[in-house]
Amino acid sequence: QTQLVESGGGLVQPGGSLRLSCAVPGLTYAIGWFRQAPGKEREGVSCISASDGSTYYADSVKGRFTISRDNAKNTVYLQMNSLKPEDTAVYYCAADSGPPMCIAPEHWGQGTQVTVSS
């Protein structure tokens, strides 16, 4: 079973930046970031194909977040800029073994807390 390990969460002021990392040991089809805020449903944030690097972003993060991958390190990153209080959530990394991309990933990390507050 693929075990994903997230890191990089923390407390940041509004307008600040954080970079999340996800170590993905093994072959995957796509890797995505999801988040869940207290009292809200989990939502997809961003996704990247392991083969051609195509990406997806939720409208709420377009222009502020960037997903990237380093295949040599088996690591996926989520650079989060211009953070807002509404970005506060537990962020999860997840991986698909096959299509479709980032709809129902089979493998999940344990999550990392991101808190945006002054």
C-alpha atoms as a PDB file:
ATOM      1  CA  GLN A   1       0.000   0.000   0.000  1.00  0.00           C
ATOM      2  CA  THR A   2       1.235   3.470  -0.899  1.00  0.00           C
ATOM      3  CA  GLN A   3       1.805   5.595   2.193  1.00  0.00           C
ATOM      4  CA  LEU A   4       1.827   9.324   1.727  1.00  0.00           C
ATOM      5  CA  VAL A   5       3.513  11.695   4.164  1.00  0.00           C
ATOM      6  CA  GLU A   6       2.666  15.395   4.220  1.00  0.00           C
ATOM      7  CA  SER A   7       4.727  18.147   5.778  1.00  0.00           C
ATOM      8  CA  GLY A   8       4.942  21.927   5.782  1.00  0.00           C
ATOM      9  CA  GLY A   9       1.756  23.009   7.498  1.00  0.00           C
ATOM     10  CA  GLY A  10       1.649  25.626  10.214  1.00  0.00           C
ATOM     11  CA  LEU A  11       0.392  29.010  11.316  1.00  0.00           C
ATOM     12  CA  VAL A  12       0.747  31.940   8.952  1.00  0.00           C
ATOM     13  CA  GLN A  13      -0.644  35.464   8.796  1.00  0.00           C
ATOM     14  CA  PRO A  14      -3.075  36.497   6.078  1.00  0.00           C
ATOM     15  CA  GLY A  15      -1.168  37.308   2.912  1.00  0.00           C
ATOM     16  CA  GLY A  16       1.635  34.946   3.861  1.00  0.00           C
ATOM     17  CA  SER A  17       2.938  31.821   2.174  1.00  0.00           C
ATOM     18  CA  LEU A  18       3.489  28.175   2.973  1.00  0.00           C
ATOM     19  CA  ARG A  19       4.782  25.237   0.972  1.00  0.00           C
ATOM     20  CA  LEU A  20       3.370  21.794   1.594  1.00  0.00           C
ATOM     21  CA  SER A  21       5.281  18.674   0.613  1.00  0.00           C
ATOM     22  CA  CYS A  22       4.019  15.176  -0.012  1.00  0.00           C
ATOM     23  CA  ALA A  23       6.384  12.215  -0.204  1.00  0.00           C
ATOM     24  CA  VAL A  24       4.901   9.580  -2.528  1.00  0.00           C
ATOM     25  CA  PRO A  25       6.803   6.300  -2.363  1.00  0.00           C
ATOM     26  CA  GLY A  26       5.856   4.301  -5.438  1.00  0.00           C
ATOM     27  CA  LEU A  27       4.198   4.640  -8.815  1.00  0.00           C
ATOM     28  CA  THR A  28       1.058   6.718  -9.066  1.00  0.00           C
ATOM     29  CA  TYR A  29      -1.200   8.044 -11.826  1.00  0.00           C
ATOM     30  CA  ALA A  30      -1.926  11.412 -10.249  1.00  0.00           C
ATOM     31  CA  ILE A  31      -1.402  13.193  -6.962  1.00  0.00           C
ATOM     32  CA  GLY A  32      -3.722  15.748  -5.476  1.00  0.00           C
ATOM     33  CA  TRP A  33      -4.200  18.037  -2.528  1.00  0.00           C
ATOM     34  CA  PHE A  34      -7.495  18.164  -0.701  1.00  0.00           C
ATOM     35  CA  ARG A  35      -8.577  20.125   2.336  1.00  0.00           C
ATOM     36  CA  GLN A  36     -11.224  19.988   4.991  1.00  0.00           C
ATOM     37  CA  ALA A  37     -12.170  22.878   7.210  1.00  0.00           C
ATOM     38  CA  PRO A  38     -14.098  22.398  10.475  1.00  0.00           C
ATOM     39  CA  GLY A  39     -17.766  21.788   9.770  1.00  0.00           C
ATOM     40  CA  LYS A  40     -17.241  21.627   6.010  1.00  0.00           C
ATOM     41  CA  GLU A  41     -16.959  18.868   3.462  1.00  0.00           C
ATOM     42  CA  ARG A  42     -13.616  17.882   2.056  1.00  0.00           C
ATOM     43  CA  GLU A  43     -12.816  19.657  -1.205  1.00  0.00           C
ATOM     44  CA  GLY A  44     -10.285  19.184  -3.945  1.00  0.00           C
ATOM     45  CA  VAL A  45      -7.672  21.926  -4.120  1.00  0.00           C
ATOM     46  CA  SER A  46      -5.247  20.906  -6.841  1.00  0.00           C
ATOM     47  CA  CYS A  47      -4.103  17.873  -8.780  1.00  0.00           C
ATOM     48  CA  ILE A  48      -1.163  16.949 -11.000  1.00  0.00           C
ATOM     49  CA  SER A  49      -0.652  14.117 -13.440  1.00  0.00           C
ATOM     50  CA  ALA A  50       2.386  11.962 -12.743  1.00  0.00           C
ATOM     51  CA  SER A  51       2.969  11.387 -16.464  1.00  0.00           C
ATOM     52  CA  ASP A  52       2.459  14.628 -18.366  1.00  0.00           C
ATOM     53  CA  GLY A  53       2.322  17.171 -15.543  1.00  0.00           C
ATOM     54  CA  SER A  54      -1.127  18.459 -16.415  1.00  0.00           C
ATOM     55  CA  THR A  55      -2.691  20.297 -13.511  1.00  0.00           C
ATOM     56  CA  TYR A  56      -6.055  21.221 -12.020  1.00  0.00           C
ATOM     57  CA  TYR A  57      -6.905  23.973  -9.557  1.00  0.00           C
ATOM     58  CA  ALA A  58     -10.071  24.779  -7.681  1.00  0.00           C
ATOM     59  CA  ASP A  59     -11.402  28.221  -8.550  1.00  0.00           C
ATOM     60  CA  SER A  60     -10.875  29.377  -4.975  1.00  0.00           C
ATOM     61  CA  VAL A  61      -7.092  28.921  -5.218  1.00  0.00           C
ATOM     62  CA  LYS A  62      -6.338  29.740  -8.868  1.00  0.00           C
ATOM     63  CA  GLY A  63      -3.587  32.301  -9.166  1.00  0.00           C
ATOM     64  CA  ARG A  64      -2.504  31.799  -5.548  1.00  0.00           C
ATOM     65  CA  PHE A  65      -1.546  28.123  -5.281  1.00  0.00           C
ATOM     66  CA  THR A  66       0.872  26.191  -7.474  1.00  0.00           C
ATOM     67  CA  ILE A  67       1.253  22.423  -7.569  1.00  0.00           C
ATOM     68  CA  SER A  68       4.481  20.878  -8.798  1.00  0.00           C
ATOM     69  CA  ARG A  69       6.290  17.571  -8.709  1.00  0.00           C
ATOM     70  CA  ASP A  70       9.853  16.335  -8.443  1.00  0.00           C
ATOM     71  CA  ASN A  71       9.829  12.834  -9.861  1.00  0.00           C
ATOM     72  CA  ALA A  72      13.445  12.203  -8.844  1.00  0.00           C
ATOM     73  CA  LYS A  73      12.482  12.829  -5.221  1.00  0.00           C
ATOM     74  CA  ASN A  74       9.016  11.268  -5.479  1.00  0.00           C
ATOM     75  CA  THR A  75       7.659  14.448  -3.962  1.00  0.00           C
ATOM     76  CA  VAL A  76       4.749  16.733  -4.827  1.00  0.00           C
ATOM     77  CA  TYR A  77       4.600  20.308  -3.585  1.00  0.00           C
ATOM     78  CA  LEU A  78       1.815  22.804  -3.057  1.00  0.00           C
ATOM     79  CA  GLN A  79       3.080  26.373  -2.941  1.00  0.00           C
ATOM     80  CA  MET A  80       0.422  28.523  -1.290  1.00  0.00           C
ATOM     81  CA  ASN A  81       0.728  32.302  -1.613  1.00  0.00           C
ATOM     82  CA  SER A  82      -1.550  35.164  -0.591  1.00  0.00           C
ATOM     83  CA  LEU A  83      -3.135  32.951   2.011  1.00  0.00           C
ATOM     84  CA  LYS A  84      -6.532  33.914   3.378  1.00  0.00           C
ATOM     85  CA  PRO A  85      -8.269  32.932   6.633  1.00  0.00           C
ATOM     86  CA  GLU A  86     -10.684  30.847   4.579  1.00  0.00           C
ATOM     87  CA  ASP A  87      -7.743  28.669   3.503  1.00  0.00           C
ATOM     88  CA  THR A  88      -7.550  27.373   7.068  1.00  0.00           C
ATOM     89  CA  ALA A  89      -8.050  23.606   6.970  1.00  0.00           C
ATOM     90  CA  VAL A  90      -6.392  20.254   7.297  1.00  0.00           C
ATOM     91  CA  TYR A  91      -4.663  19.595   4.000  1.00  0.00           C
ATOM     92  CA  TYR A  92      -4.377  16.050   2.719  1.00  0.00           C
ATOM     93  CA  CYS A  93      -2.235  14.597  -0.001  1.00  0.00           C
ATOM     94  CA  ALA A  94      -3.806  11.775  -1.997  1.00  0.00           C
ATOM     95  CA  ALA A  95      -2.765   9.566  -4.890  1.00  0.00           C
ATOM     96  CA  ASP A  96      -4.546   7.713  -7.673  1.00  0.00           C
ATOM     97  CA  SER A  97      -3.314   4.426  -9.077  1.00  0.00           C
ATOM     98  CA  GLY A  98      -5.259   5.056 -12.284  1.00  0.00           C
ATOM     99  CA  PRO A  99      -7.850   7.304 -13.914  1.00  0.00           C
ATOM    100  CA  PRO A 100      -9.861   9.360 -13.355  1.00  0.00           C
ATOM    101  CA  MET A 101      -7.543  11.964 -11.966  1.00  0.00           C
ATOM    102  CA  CYS A 102      -8.118  13.048  -8.353  1.00  0.00           C
ATOM    103  CA  ILE A 103     -11.782  12.081  -8.180  1.00  0.00           C
ATOM    104  CA  ALA A 104     -11.599   9.175  -5.718  1.00  0.00           C
ATOM    105  CA  PRO A 105      -7.959   8.638  -4.757  1.00  0.00           C
ATOM    106  CA  GLU A 106      -7.113   5.295  -3.187  1.00  0.00           C
ATOM    107  CA  HIS A 107      -4.208   6.419  -1.034  1.00  0.00           C
ATOM    108  CA  TRP A 108      -4.225   9.191   1.531  1.00  0.00           C
ATOM    109  CA  GLY A 109      -1.859  10.887   3.899  1.00  0.00           C
ATOM    110  CA  GLN A 110      -2.731  11.736   7.476  1.00  0.00           C
ATOM    111  CA  GLY A 111      -3.030  15.453   6.833  1.00  0.00           C
ATOM    112  CA  THR A 112      -1.268  18.606   7.906  1.00  0.00           C
ATOM    113  CA  GLN A 113      -2.913  21.601   9.571  1.00  0.00           C
ATOM    114  CA  VAL A 114      -2.768  24.992   7.888  1.00  0.00           C
ATOM    115  CA  THR A 115      -4.006  27.937   9.927  1.00  0.00           C
ATOM    116  CA  VAL A 116      -4.201  31.431   8.485  1.00  0.00           C
ATOM    117  CA  SER A 117      -4.749  33.963  11.221  1.00  0.00           C
ATOM    118  CA  SER A 118      -3.442  37.248  12.506  1.00  0.00           C
END
